Amino acid sequence: MVVKEKRGRRRYIAFEAIGAADANEQLSTALQALFNRSGQRSPKLIQLEGRLGIVRCLEPEMKSVIETLNASIGEGEREIRFRTLCTSGTLRALRARIGLDKPERPRG
């Protein structure tokens, strides 16, 4: 048995935040609220730098995650929208496409 048969294939989705939020905490909170509002399981936030971010989900959930990400949250000046950029099966390929560097891990 192959490991992916048990765990499932993972997909990485790159997105861009458009709107009023300027801090990473505000964007991650808005992202969490967006998925809570839609009533589906929230994908794992892998990386968030500035207005670009990457989330991980399982392959069967990919289409619903993309649809939810392309929605907006908030109203008026406080509205935050997310726009998906591309999807990949590996983080390395996705980071190369959108121009994000691998974050440094703290060594200790």
PDB file of N, CA and C in Angstrom:
ATOM      1  N   MET A   1       0.838  -1.177   0.000  1.00  0.00           N
ATOM      2  CA  MET A   1       0.000   0.000   0.000  1.00  0.00           C
ATOM      3  C   MET A   1       0.886   1.244   0.000  1.00  0.00           C
ATOM      4  N   VAL A   2       0.529   2.190  -0.816  1.00  0.00           N
ATOM      5  CA  VAL A   2       1.244   3.454  -0.921  1.00  0.00           C
ATOM      6  C   VAL A   2       0.721   4.405   0.156  1.00  0.00           C
ATOM      7  N   VAL A   3       1.599   5.215   0.698  1.00  0.00           N
ATOM      8  CA  VAL A   3       1.220   6.138   1.779  1.00  0.00           C
ATOM      9  C   VAL A   3       0.080   7.053   1.348  1.00  0.00           C
ATOM     10  N   LYS A   4       0.097   7.522   0.111  1.00  0.00           N
ATOM     11  CA  LYS A   4      -0.926   8.464  -0.351  1.00  0.00           C
ATOM     12  C   LYS A   4      -2.311   7.827  -0.420  1.00  0.00           C
ATOM     13  N   GLU A   5      -2.371   6.499  -0.451  1.00  0.00           N
ATOM     14  CA  GLU A   5      -3.675   5.844  -0.435  1.00  0.00           C
ATOM     15  C   GLU A   5      -4.363   6.060   0.907  1.00  0.00           C
ATOM     16  N   LYS A   6      -3.610   6.069   1.983  1.00  0.00           N
ATOM     17  CA  LYS A   6      -4.165   6.307   3.314  1.00  0.00           C
ATOM     18  C   LYS A   6      -4.417   7.799   3.563  1.00  0.00           C
ATOM     19  N   ARG A   7      -3.400   8.579   3.325  1.00  0.00           N
ATOM     20  CA  ARG A   7      -3.418   9.994   3.656  1.00  0.00           C
ATOM     21  C   ARG A   7      -4.169  10.824   2.620  1.00  0.00           C
ATOM     22  N   GLY A   8      -4.048  10.479   1.366  1.00  0.00           N
ATOM     23  CA  GLY A   8      -4.641  11.272   0.295  1.00  0.00           C
ATOM     24  C   GLY A   8      -3.631  12.242  -0.270  1.00  0.00           C
ATOM     25  N   ARG A   9      -3.846  12.627  -1.506  1.00  0.00           N
ATOM     26  CA  ARG A   9      -2.931  13.588  -2.153  1.00  0.00           C
ATOM     27  C   ARG A   9      -3.206  14.995  -1.642  1.00  0.00           C
ATOM     28  N   ARG A  10      -2.143  15.725  -1.438  1.00  0.00           N
ATOM     29  CA  ARG A  10      -2.258  17.099  -0.967  1.00  0.00           C
ATOM     30  C   ARG A  10      -2.100  18.049  -2.151  1.00  0.00           C
ATOM     31  N   ARG A  11      -2.785  19.158  -2.079  1.00  0.00           N
ATOM     32  CA  ARG A  11      -2.660  20.202  -3.081  1.00  0.00           C
ATOM     33  C   ARG A  11      -2.391  21.517  -2.367  1.00  0.00           C
ATOM     34  N   TYR A  12      -1.555  22.324  -2.977  1.00  0.00           N
ATOM     35  CA  TYR A  12      -1.181  23.621  -2.429  1.00  0.00           C
ATOM     36  C   TYR A  12      -1.773  24.696  -3.327  1.00  0.00           C
ATOM     37  N   ILE A  13      -2.437  25.665  -2.713  1.00  0.00           N
ATOM     38  CA  ILE A  13      -3.112  26.719  -3.455  1.00  0.00           C
ATOM     39  C   ILE A  13      -2.527  28.063  -3.035  1.00  0.00           C
ATOM     40  N   ALA A  14      -2.051  28.829  -4.016  1.00  0.00           N
ATOM     41  CA  ALA A  14      -1.529  30.169  -3.756  1.00  0.00           C
ATOM     42  C   ALA A  14      -2.662  31.175  -3.900  1.00  0.00           C
ATOM     43  N   PHE A  15      -2.670  32.181  -3.025  1.00  0.00           N
ATOM     44  CA  PHE A  15      -3.712  33.206  -3.092  1.00  0.00           C
ATOM     45  C   PHE A  15      -3.115  34.566  -2.795  1.00  0.00           C
ATOM     46  N   GLU A  16      -3.869  35.592  -3.186  1.00  0.00           N
ATOM     47  CA  GLU A  16      -3.485  36.969  -2.944  1.00  0.00           C
ATOM     48  C   GLU A  16      -4.632  37.643  -2.201  1.00  0.00           C
ATOM     49  N   ALA A  17      -4.310  38.430  -1.195  1.00  0.00           N
ATOM     50  CA  ALA A  17      -5.325  39.155  -0.434  1.00  0.00           C
ATOM     51  C   ALA A  17      -5.463  40.565  -1.010  1.00  0.00           C
ATOM     52  N   ILE A  18      -6.702  40.978  -1.188  1.00  0.00           N
ATOM     53  CA  ILE A  18      -6.991  42.306  -1.725  1.00  0.00           C
ATOM     54  C   ILE A  18      -7.953  42.973  -0.753  1.00  0.00           C
ATOM     55  N   GLY A  19      -7.604  44.161  -0.301  1.00  0.00           N
ATOM     56  CA  GLY A  19      -8.530  44.861   0.589  1.00  0.00           C
ATOM     57  C   GLY A  19      -7.854  45.553   1.744  1.00  0.00           C
ATOM     58  N   ALA A  20      -8.612  45.706   2.817  1.00  0.00           N
ATOM     59  CA  ALA A  20      -8.239  46.573   3.922  1.00  0.00           C
ATOM     60  C   ALA A  20      -7.195  46.013   4.879  1.00  0.00           C
ATOM     61  N   ALA A  21      -7.055  44.732   4.996  1.00  0.00           N
ATOM     62  CA  ALA A  21      -6.147  44.163   6.000  1.00  0.00           C
ATOM     63  C   ALA A  21      -4.696  44.390   5.604  1.00  0.00           C
ATOM     64  N   ASP A  22      -3.886  44.780   6.598  1.00  0.00           N
ATOM     65  CA  ASP A  22      -2.477  44.979   6.307  1.00  0.00           C
ATOM     66  C   ASP A  22      -1.556  44.089   7.118  1.00  0.00           C
ATOM     67  N   ALA A  23      -1.998  43.526   8.193  1.00  0.00           N
ATOM     68  CA  ALA A  23      -1.140  42.676   9.020  1.00  0.00           C
ATOM     69  C   ALA A  23      -1.435  41.199   8.757  1.00  0.00           C
ATOM     70  N   ASN A  24      -0.424  40.363   8.933  1.00  0.00           N
ATOM     71  CA  ASN A  24      -0.589  38.927   8.719  1.00  0.00           C
ATOM     72  C   ASN A  24      -1.646  38.341   9.647  1.00  0.00           C
ATOM     73  N   GLU A  25      -1.734  38.856  10.892  1.00  0.00           N
ATOM     74  CA  GLU A  25      -2.733  38.350  11.820  1.00  0.00           C
ATOM     75  C   GLU A  25      -4.143  38.650  11.330  1.00  0.00           C
ATOM     76  N   GLN A  26      -4.338  39.835  10.762  1.00  0.00           N
ATOM     77  CA  GLN A  26      -5.653  40.192  10.233  1.00  0.00           C
ATOM     78  C   GLN A  26      -6.023  39.297   9.057  1.00  0.00           C
ATOM     79  N   LEU A  27      -5.065  39.014   8.204  1.00  0.00           N
ATOM     80  CA  LEU A  27      -5.341  38.165   7.046  1.00  0.00           C
ATOM     81  C   LEU A  27      -5.632  36.729   7.462  1.00  0.00           C
ATOM     82  N   SER A  28      -4.867  36.203   8.404  1.00  0.00           N
ATOM     83  CA  SER A  28      -5.115  34.824   8.837  1.00  0.00           C
ATOM     84  C   SER A  28      -6.453  34.713   9.575  1.00  0.00           C
ATOM     85  N   THR A  29      -6.830  35.739  10.343  1.00  0.00           N
ATOM     86  CA  THR A  29      -8.125  35.750  11.015  1.00  0.00           C
ATOM     87  C   THR A  29      -9.260  35.834   9.995  1.00  0.00           C
ATOM     88  N   ALA A  30      -9.094  36.670   8.979  1.00  0.00           N
ATOM     89  CA  ALA A  30     -10.116  36.799   7.934  1.00  0.00           C
ATOM     90  C   ALA A  30     -10.249  35.500   7.147  1.00  0.00           C
ATOM     91  N   LEU A  31      -9.138  34.840   6.897  1.00  0.00           N
ATOM     92  CA  LEU A  31      -9.157  33.564   6.184  1.00  0.00           C
ATOM     93  C   LEU A  31      -9.903  32.508   6.996  1.00  0.00           C
ATOM     94  N   GLN A  32      -9.635  32.451   8.298  1.00  0.00           N
ATOM     95  CA  GLN A  32     -10.316  31.513   9.185  1.00  0.00           C
ATOM     96  C   GLN A  32     -11.816  31.809   9.236  1.00  0.00           C
ATOM     97  N   ALA A  33     -12.173  33.091   9.323  1.00  0.00           N
ATOM     98  CA  ALA A  33     -13.586  33.475   9.364  1.00  0.00           C
ATOM     99  C   ALA A  33     -14.300  33.128   8.063  1.00  0.00           C
ATOM    100  N   LEU A  34     -13.609  33.260   6.957  1.00  0.00           N
ATOM    101  CA  LEU A  34     -14.191  32.934   5.654  1.00  0.00           C
ATOM    102  C   LEU A  34     -14.567  31.458   5.579  1.00  0.00           C
ATOM    103  N   PHE A  35     -13.686  30.580   6.043  1.00  0.00           N
ATOM    104  CA  PHE A  35     -13.972  29.147   5.999  1.00  0.00           C
ATOM    105  C   PHE A  35     -14.984  28.746   7.069  1.00  0.00           C
ATOM    106  N   ASN A  36     -14.990  29.426   8.214  1.00  0.00           N
ATOM    107  CA  ASN A  36     -16.008  29.149   9.235  1.00  0.00           C
ATOM    108  C   ASN A  36     -17.401  29.516   8.720  1.00  0.00           C
ATOM    109  N   ARG A  37     -17.474  30.633   7.998  1.00  0.00           N
ATOM    110  CA  ARG A  37     -18.752  31.087   7.448  1.00  0.00           C
ATOM    111  C   ARG A  37     -19.280  30.115   6.398  1.00  0.00           C
ATOM    112  N   SER A  38     -18.385  29.516   5.626  1.00  0.00           N
ATOM    113  CA  SER A  38     -18.830  28.599   4.579  1.00  0.00           C
ATOM    114  C   SER A  38     -19.195  27.225   5.144  1.00  0.00           C
ATOM    115  N   GLY A  39     -18.786  26.945   6.387  1.00  0.00           N
ATOM    116  CA  GLY A  39     -19.146  25.696   7.033  1.00  0.00           C
ATOM    117  C   GLY A  39     -18.305  24.505   6.621  1.00  0.00           C
ATOM    118  N   GLN A  40     -17.166  24.748   5.995  1.00  0.00           N
ATOM    119  CA  GLN A  40     -16.308  23.634   5.615  1.00  0.00           C
ATOM    120  C   GLN A  40     -15.029  23.655   6.436  1.00  0.00           C
ATOM    121  N   ARG A  41     -14.329  22.533   6.409  1.00  0.00           N
ATOM    122  CA  ARG A  41     -13.093  22.413   7.163  1.00  0.00           C
ATOM    123  C   ARG A  41     -12.057  23.388   6.610  1.00  0.00           C
ATOM    124  N   SER A  42     -11.385  24.065   7.492  1.00  0.00           N
ATOM    125  CA  SER A  42     -10.404  25.062   7.092  1.00  0.00           C
ATOM    126  C   SER A  42      -9.115  24.391   6.633  1.00  0.00           C
ATOM    127  N   PRO A  43      -8.562  24.838   5.497  1.00  0.00           N
ATOM    128  CA  PRO A  43      -7.290  24.278   5.059  1.00  0.00           C
ATOM    129  C   PRO A  43      -6.147  24.785   5.928  1.00  0.00           C
ATOM    130  N   LYS A  44      -5.018  24.131   5.860  1.00  0.00           N
ATOM    131  CA  LYS A  44      -3.844  24.505   6.657  1.00  0.00           C
ATOM    132  C   LYS A  44      -3.127  25.669   5.978  1.00  0.00           C
ATOM    133  N   LEU A  45      -2.906  26.737   6.726  1.00  0.00           N
ATOM    134  CA  LEU A  45      -2.162  27.884   6.220  1.00  0.00           C
ATOM    135  C   LEU A  45      -0.675  27.549   6.306  1.00  0.00           C
ATOM    136  N   ILE A  46      -0.017  27.455   5.175  1.00  0.00           N
ATOM    137  CA  ILE A  46       1.389  27.066   5.114  1.00  0.00           C
ATOM    138  C   ILE A  46       2.311  28.272   5.228  1.00  0.00           C
ATOM    139  N   GLN A  47       2.021  29.317   4.453  1.00  0.00           N
ATOM    140  CA  GLN A  47       2.899  30.479   4.427  1.00  0.00           C
ATOM    141  C   GLN A  47       2.070  31.717   4.128  1.00  0.00           C
ATOM    142  N   LEU A  48       2.423  32.835   4.772  1.00  0.00           N
ATOM    143  CA  LEU A  48       1.760  34.102   4.538  1.00  0.00           C
ATOM    144  C   LEU A  48       2.814  35.191   4.621  1.00  0.00           C
ATOM    145  N   GLU A  49       3.091  35.812   3.484  1.00  0.00           N
ATOM    146  CA  GLU A  49       4.071  36.896   3.423  1.00  0.00           C
ATOM    147  C   GLU A  49       3.461  38.067   2.689  1.00  0.00           C
ATOM    148  N   GLY A  50       3.260  39.146   3.413  1.00  0.00           N
ATOM    149  CA  GLY A  50       2.622  40.305   2.800  1.00  0.00           C
ATOM    150  C   GLY A  50       1.199  39.961   2.410  1.00  0.00           C
ATOM    151  N   ARG A  51       0.905  40.103   1.143  1.00  0.00           N
ATOM    152  CA  ARG A  51      -0.443  39.796   0.647  1.00  0.00           C
ATOM    153  C   ARG A  51      -0.516  38.455  -0.060  1.00  0.00           C
ATOM    154  N   LEU A  52       0.595  37.736  -0.160  1.00  0.00           N
ATOM    155  CA  LEU A  52       0.608  36.415  -0.789  1.00  0.00           C
ATOM    156  C   LEU A  52       0.596  35.326   0.269  1.00  0.00           C
ATOM    157  N   GLY A  53      -0.117  34.251  -0.019  1.00  0.00           N
ATOM    158  CA  GLY A  53      -0.176  33.152   0.931  1.00  0.00           C
ATOM    159  C   GLY A  53      -0.357  31.819   0.236  1.00  0.00           C
ATOM    160  N   ILE A  54      -0.143  30.751   1.001  1.00  0.00           N
ATOM    161  CA  ILE A  54      -0.289  29.384   0.501  1.00  0.00           C
ATOM    162  C   ILE A  54      -1.071  28.582   1.535  1.00  0.00           C
ATOM    163  N   VAL A  55      -2.085  27.845   1.057  1.00  0.00           N
ATOM    164  CA  VAL A  55      -2.827  26.930   1.915  1.00  0.00           C
ATOM    165  C   VAL A  55      -2.703  25.518   1.360  1.00  0.00           C
ATOM    166  N   ARG A  56      -2.831  24.537   2.261  1.00  0.00           N
ATOM    167  CA  ARG A  56      -2.762  23.128   1.864  1.00  0.00           C
ATOM    168  C   ARG A  56      -4.112  22.480   2.142  1.00  0.00           C
ATOM    169  N   CYS A  57      -4.568  21.667   1.188  1.00  0.00           N
ATOM    170  CA  CYS A  57      -5.803  20.923   1.372  1.00  0.00           C
ATOM    171  C   CYS A  57      -5.656  19.563   0.698  1.00  0.00           C
ATOM    172  N   LEU A  58      -6.630  18.713   0.887  1.00  0.00           N
ATOM    173  CA  LEU A  58      -6.633  17.424   0.214  1.00  0.00           C
ATOM    174  C   LEU A  58      -7.247  17.585  -1.173  1.00  0.00           C
ATOM    175  N   GLU A  59      -6.868  16.706  -2.081  1.00  0.00           N
ATOM    176  CA  GLU A  59      -7.303  16.831  -3.469  1.00  0.00           C
ATOM    177  C   GLU A  59      -8.825  16.866  -3.646  1.00  0.00           C
ATOM    178  N   PRO A  60      -9.612  16.021  -2.954  1.00  0.00           N
ATOM    179  CA  PRO A  60     -11.072  16.088  -3.145  1.00  0.00           C
ATOM    180  C   PRO A  60     -11.698  17.405  -2.683  1.00  0.00           C
ATOM    181  N   GLU A  61     -11.033  18.114  -1.767  1.00  0.00           N
ATOM    182  CA  GLU A  61     -11.553  19.378  -1.240  1.00  0.00           C
ATOM    183  C   GLU A  61     -11.110  20.583  -2.053  1.00  0.00           C
ATOM    184  N   MET A  62     -10.240  20.382  -3.033  1.00  0.00           N
ATOM    185  CA  MET A  62      -9.577  21.486  -3.725  1.00  0.00           C
ATOM    186  C   MET A  62     -10.563  22.456  -4.379  1.00  0.00           C
ATOM    187  N   LYS A  63     -11.545  21.969  -5.105  1.00  0.00           N
ATOM    188  CA  LYS A  63     -12.480  22.859  -5.805  1.00  0.00           C
ATOM    189  C   LYS A  63     -13.295  23.710  -4.838  1.00  0.00           C
ATOM    190  N   SER A  64     -13.743  23.119  -3.744  1.00  0.00           N
ATOM    191  CA  SER A  64     -14.529  23.895  -2.781  1.00  0.00           C
ATOM    192  C   SER A  64     -13.660  24.920  -2.053  1.00  0.00           C
ATOM    193  N   VAL A  65     -12.398  24.584  -1.800  1.00  0.00           N
ATOM    194  CA  VAL A  65     -11.483  25.544  -1.165  1.00  0.00           C
ATOM    195  C   VAL A  65     -11.236  26.723  -2.098  1.00  0.00           C
ATOM    196  N   ILE A  66     -11.048  26.455  -3.385  1.00  0.00           N
ATOM    197  CA  ILE A  66     -10.827  27.533  -4.360  1.00  0.00           C
ATOM    198  C   ILE A  66     -12.061  28.430  -4.450  1.00  0.00           C
ATOM    199  N   GLU A  67     -13.246  27.841  -4.489  1.00  0.00           N
ATOM    200  CA  GLU A  67     -14.482  28.632  -4.538  1.00  0.00           C
ATOM    201  C   GLU A  67     -14.628  29.506  -3.295  1.00  0.00           C
ATOM    202  N   THR A  68     -14.309  28.951  -2.146  1.00  0.00           N
ATOM    203  CA  THR A  68     -14.408  29.718  -0.905  1.00  0.00           C
ATOM    204  C   THR A  68     -13.371  30.829  -0.869  1.00  0.00           C
ATOM    205  N   LEU A  69     -12.162  30.553  -1.334  1.00  0.00           N
ATOM    206  CA  LEU A  69     -11.118  31.580  -1.345  1.00  0.00           C
ATOM    207  C   LEU A  69     -11.457  32.739  -2.275  1.00  0.00           C
ATOM    208  N   ASN A  70     -12.180  32.484  -3.335  1.00  0.00           N
ATOM    209  CA  ASN A  70     -12.520  33.550  -4.272  1.00  0.00           C
ATOM    210  C   ASN A  70     -13.704  34.387  -3.806  1.00  0.00           C
ATOM    211  N   ALA A  71     -14.205  34.148  -2.610  1.00  0.00           N
ATOM    212  CA  ALA A  71     -15.282  34.955  -2.031  1.00  0.00           C
ATOM    213  C   ALA A  71     -14.664  36.116  -1.241  1.00  0.00           C
ATOM    214  N   SER A  72     -15.507  36.984  -0.723  1.00  0.00           N
ATOM    215  CA  SER A  72     -15.011  38.101   0.083  1.00  0.00           C
ATOM    216  C   SER A  72     -15.647  38.051   1.459  1.00  0.00           C
ATOM    217  N   ILE A  73     -15.026  38.769   2.392  1.00  0.00           N
ATOM    218  CA  ILE A  73     -15.546  38.842   3.758  1.00  0.00           C
ATOM    219  C   ILE A  73     -15.487  40.296   4.216  1.00  0.00           C
ATOM    220  N   GLY A  74     -16.470  40.710   4.977  1.00  0.00           N
ATOM    221  CA  GLY A  74     -16.542  42.091   5.433  1.00  0.00           C
ATOM    222  C   GLY A  74     -17.361  42.940   4.474  1.00  0.00           C
ATOM    223  N   GLU A  75     -17.520  44.213   4.839  1.00  0.00           N
ATOM    224  CA  GLU A  75     -18.313  45.124   4.022  1.00  0.00           C
ATOM    225  C   GLU A  75     -17.629  46.467   3.927  1.00  0.00           C
ATOM    226  N   GLY A  76     -17.893  47.153   2.847  1.00  0.00           N
ATOM    227  CA  GLY A  76     -17.413  48.521   2.659  1.00  0.00           C
ATOM    228  C   GLY A  76     -15.894  48.611   2.667  1.00  0.00           C
ATOM    229  N   GLU A  77     -15.378  49.523   3.477  1.00  0.00           N
ATOM    230  CA  GLU A  77     -13.930  49.742   3.544  1.00  0.00           C
ATOM    231  C   GLU A  77     -13.201  48.605   4.231  1.00  0.00           C
ATOM    232  N   ARG A  78     -13.906  47.816   5.027  1.00  0.00           N
ATOM    233  CA  ARG A  78     -13.274  46.718   5.767  1.00  0.00           C
ATOM    234  C   ARG A  78     -13.324  45.403   4.998  1.00  0.00           C
ATOM    235  N   GLU A  79     -13.745  45.444   3.744  1.00  0.00           N
ATOM    236  CA  GLU A  79     -13.870  44.230   2.953  1.00  0.00           C
ATOM    237  C   GLU A  79     -12.487  43.671   2.600  1.00  0.00           C
ATOM    238  N   ILE A  80     -12.358  42.370   2.748  1.00  0.00           N
ATOM    239  CA  ILE A  80     -11.137  41.669   2.364  1.00  0.00           C
ATOM    240  C   ILE A  80     -11.527  40.590   1.366  1.00  0.00           C
ATOM    241  N   ARG A  81     -10.881  40.600   0.224  1.00  0.00           N
ATOM    242  CA  ARG A  81     -11.137  39.584  -0.794  1.00  0.00           C
ATOM    243  C   ARG A  81      -9.864  38.772  -0.991  1.00  0.00           C
ATOM    244  N   PHE A  82     -10.057  37.528  -1.346  1.00  0.00           N
ATOM    245  CA  PHE A  82      -8.941  36.662  -1.676  1.00  0.00           C
ATOM    246  C   PHE A  82      -9.101  36.230  -3.123  1.00  0.00           C
ATOM    247  N   ARG A  83      -7.979  36.158  -3.836  1.00  0.00           N
ATOM    248  CA  ARG A  83      -7.993  35.722  -5.233  1.00  0.00           C
ATOM    249  C   ARG A  83      -6.970  34.609  -5.380  1.00  0.00           C
ATOM    250  N   THR A  84      -7.404  33.464  -5.879  1.00  0.00           N
ATOM    251  CA  THR A  84      -6.467  32.361  -6.060  1.00  0.00           C
ATOM    252  C   THR A  84      -5.604  32.623  -7.286  1.00  0.00           C
ATOM    253  N   LEU A  85      -4.331  32.255  -7.177  1.00  0.00           N
ATOM    254  CA  LEU A  85      -3.389  32.482  -8.265  1.00  0.00           C
ATOM    255  C   LEU A  85      -3.087  31.207  -9.042  1.00  0.00           C
ATOM    256  N   CYS A  86      -2.701  30.154  -8.343  1.00  0.00           N
ATOM    257  CA  CYS A  86      -2.392  28.888  -9.005  1.00  0.00           C
ATOM    258  C   CYS A  86      -2.410  27.756  -7.982  1.00  0.00           C
ATOM    259  N   THR A  87      -2.377  26.538  -8.493  1.00  0.00           N
ATOM    260  CA  THR A  87      -2.442  25.332  -7.679  1.00  0.00           C
ATOM    261  C   THR A  87      -1.309  24.414  -8.092  1.00  0.00           C
ATOM    262  N   SER A  88      -0.772  23.658  -7.119  1.00  0.00           N
ATOM    263  CA  SER A  88       0.311  22.738  -7.424  1.00  0.00           C
ATOM    264  C   SER A  88       0.284  21.564  -6.450  1.00  0.00           C
ATOM    265  N   GLY A  89       0.971  20.515  -6.820  1.00  0.00           N
ATOM    266  CA  GLY A  89       1.101  19.358  -5.953  1.00  0.00           C
ATOM    267  C   GLY A  89       2.320  19.439  -5.057  1.00  0.00           C
ATOM    268  N   THR A  90       3.236  20.378  -5.341  1.00  0.00           N
ATOM    269  CA  THR A  90       4.428  20.539  -4.509  1.00  0.00           C
ATOM    270  C   THR A  90       4.617  22.002  -4.132  1.00  0.00           C
ATOM    271  N   LEU A  91       5.135  22.216  -2.937  1.00  0.00           N
ATOM    272  CA  LEU A  91       5.409  23.581  -2.483  1.00  0.00           C
ATOM    273  C   LEU A  91       6.507  24.242  -3.301  1.00  0.00           C
ATOM    274  N   ARG A  92       7.513  23.483  -3.662  1.00  0.00           N
ATOM    275  CA  ARG A  92       8.643  24.036  -4.408  1.00  0.00           C
ATOM    276  C   ARG A  92       8.187  24.649  -5.732  1.00  0.00           C
ATOM    277  N   ALA A  93       7.359  23.922  -6.470  1.00  0.00           N
ATOM    278  CA  ALA A  93       6.872  24.424  -7.756  1.00  0.00           C
ATOM    279  C   ALA A  93       5.971  25.640  -7.572  1.00  0.00           C
ATOM    280  N   LEU A  94       5.131  25.604  -6.558  1.00  0.00           N
ATOM    281  CA  LEU A  94       4.214  26.712  -6.316  1.00  0.00           C
ATOM    282  C   LEU A  94       4.976  27.975  -5.921  1.00  0.00           C
ATOM    283  N   ARG A  95       5.944  27.833  -5.031  1.00  0.00           N
ATOM    284  CA  ARG A  95       6.741  28.997  -4.626  1.00  0.00           C
ATOM    285  C   ARG A  95       7.510  29.573  -5.805  1.00  0.00           C
ATOM    286  N   ALA A  96       7.994  28.717  -6.690  1.00  0.00           N
ATOM    287  CA  ALA A  96       8.713  29.192  -7.865  1.00  0.00           C
ATOM    288  C   ALA A  96       7.784  29.983  -8.789  1.00  0.00           C
ATOM    289  N   ARG A  97       6.548  29.548  -8.947  1.00  0.00           N
ATOM    290  CA  ARG A  97       5.596  30.225  -9.831  1.00  0.00           C
ATOM    291  C   ARG A  97       5.206  31.599  -9.330  1.00  0.00           C
ATOM    292  N   ILE A  98       5.011  31.738  -8.016  1.00  0.00           N
ATOM    293  CA  ILE A  98       4.535  33.027  -7.494  1.00  0.00           C
ATOM    294  C   ILE A  98       5.664  33.897  -6.944  1.00  0.00           C
ATOM    295  N   GLY A  99       6.874  33.384  -6.896  1.00  0.00           N
ATOM    296  CA  GLY A  99       8.024  34.178  -6.480  1.00  0.00           C
ATOM    297  C   GLY A  99       8.209  34.309  -4.985  1.00  0.00           C
ATOM    298  N   LEU A 100       7.748  33.351  -4.203  1.00  0.00           N
ATOM    299  CA  LEU A 100       7.988  33.355  -2.760  1.00  0.00           C
ATOM    300  C   LEU A 100       9.199  32.505  -2.430  1.00  0.00           C
ATOM    301  N   ASP A 101       9.974  32.941  -1.459  1.00  0.00           N
ATOM    302  CA  ASP A 101      11.112  32.168  -0.995  1.00  0.00           C
ATOM    303  C   ASP A 101      10.667  31.264   0.144  1.00  0.00           C
ATOM    304  N   LYS A 102      11.414  30.198   0.337  1.00  0.00           N
ATOM    305  CA  LYS A 102      11.156  29.308   1.467  1.00  0.00           C
ATOM    306  C   LYS A 102      11.505  30.068   2.744  1.00  0.00           C
ATOM    307  N   PRO A 103      10.597  30.093   3.723  1.00  0.00           N
ATOM    308  CA  PRO A 103      10.898  30.844   4.951  1.00  0.00           C
ATOM    309  C   PRO A 103      11.997  30.161   5.761  1.00  0.00           C
ATOM    310  N   GLU A 104      12.773  30.977   6.427  1.00  0.00           N
ATOM    311  CA  GLU A 104      13.844  30.462   7.278  1.00  0.00           C
ATOM    312  C   GLU A 104      13.238  29.847   8.524  1.00  0.00           C
ATOM    313  N   ARG A 105      13.697  28.670   8.879  1.00  0.00           N
ATOM    314  CA  ARG A 105      13.234  28.023  10.110  1.00  0.00           C
ATOM    315  C   ARG A 105      14.154  28.419  11.252  1.00  0.00           C
ATOM    316  N   PRO A 106      13.585  28.789  12.390  1.00  0.00           N
ATOM    317  CA  PRO A 106      14.442  29.135  13.525  1.00  0.00           C
ATOM    318  C   PRO A 106      15.172  27.882  14.026  1.00  0.00           C
ATOM    319  N   ARG A 107      16.446  28.022  14.206  1.00  0.00           N
ATOM    320  CA  ARG A 107      17.249  26.891  14.691  1.00  0.00           C
ATOM    321  C   ARG A 107      17.581  27.137  16.147  1.00  0.00           C
ATOM    322  N   GLY A 108      17.401  26.106  16.902  1.00  0.00           N
ATOM    323  CA  GLY A 108      17.645  26.338  18.314  1.00  0.00           C
ATOM    324  C   GLY A 108      18.004  25.152  19.076  1.00  0.00           C
TER     325      GLY A 108
END
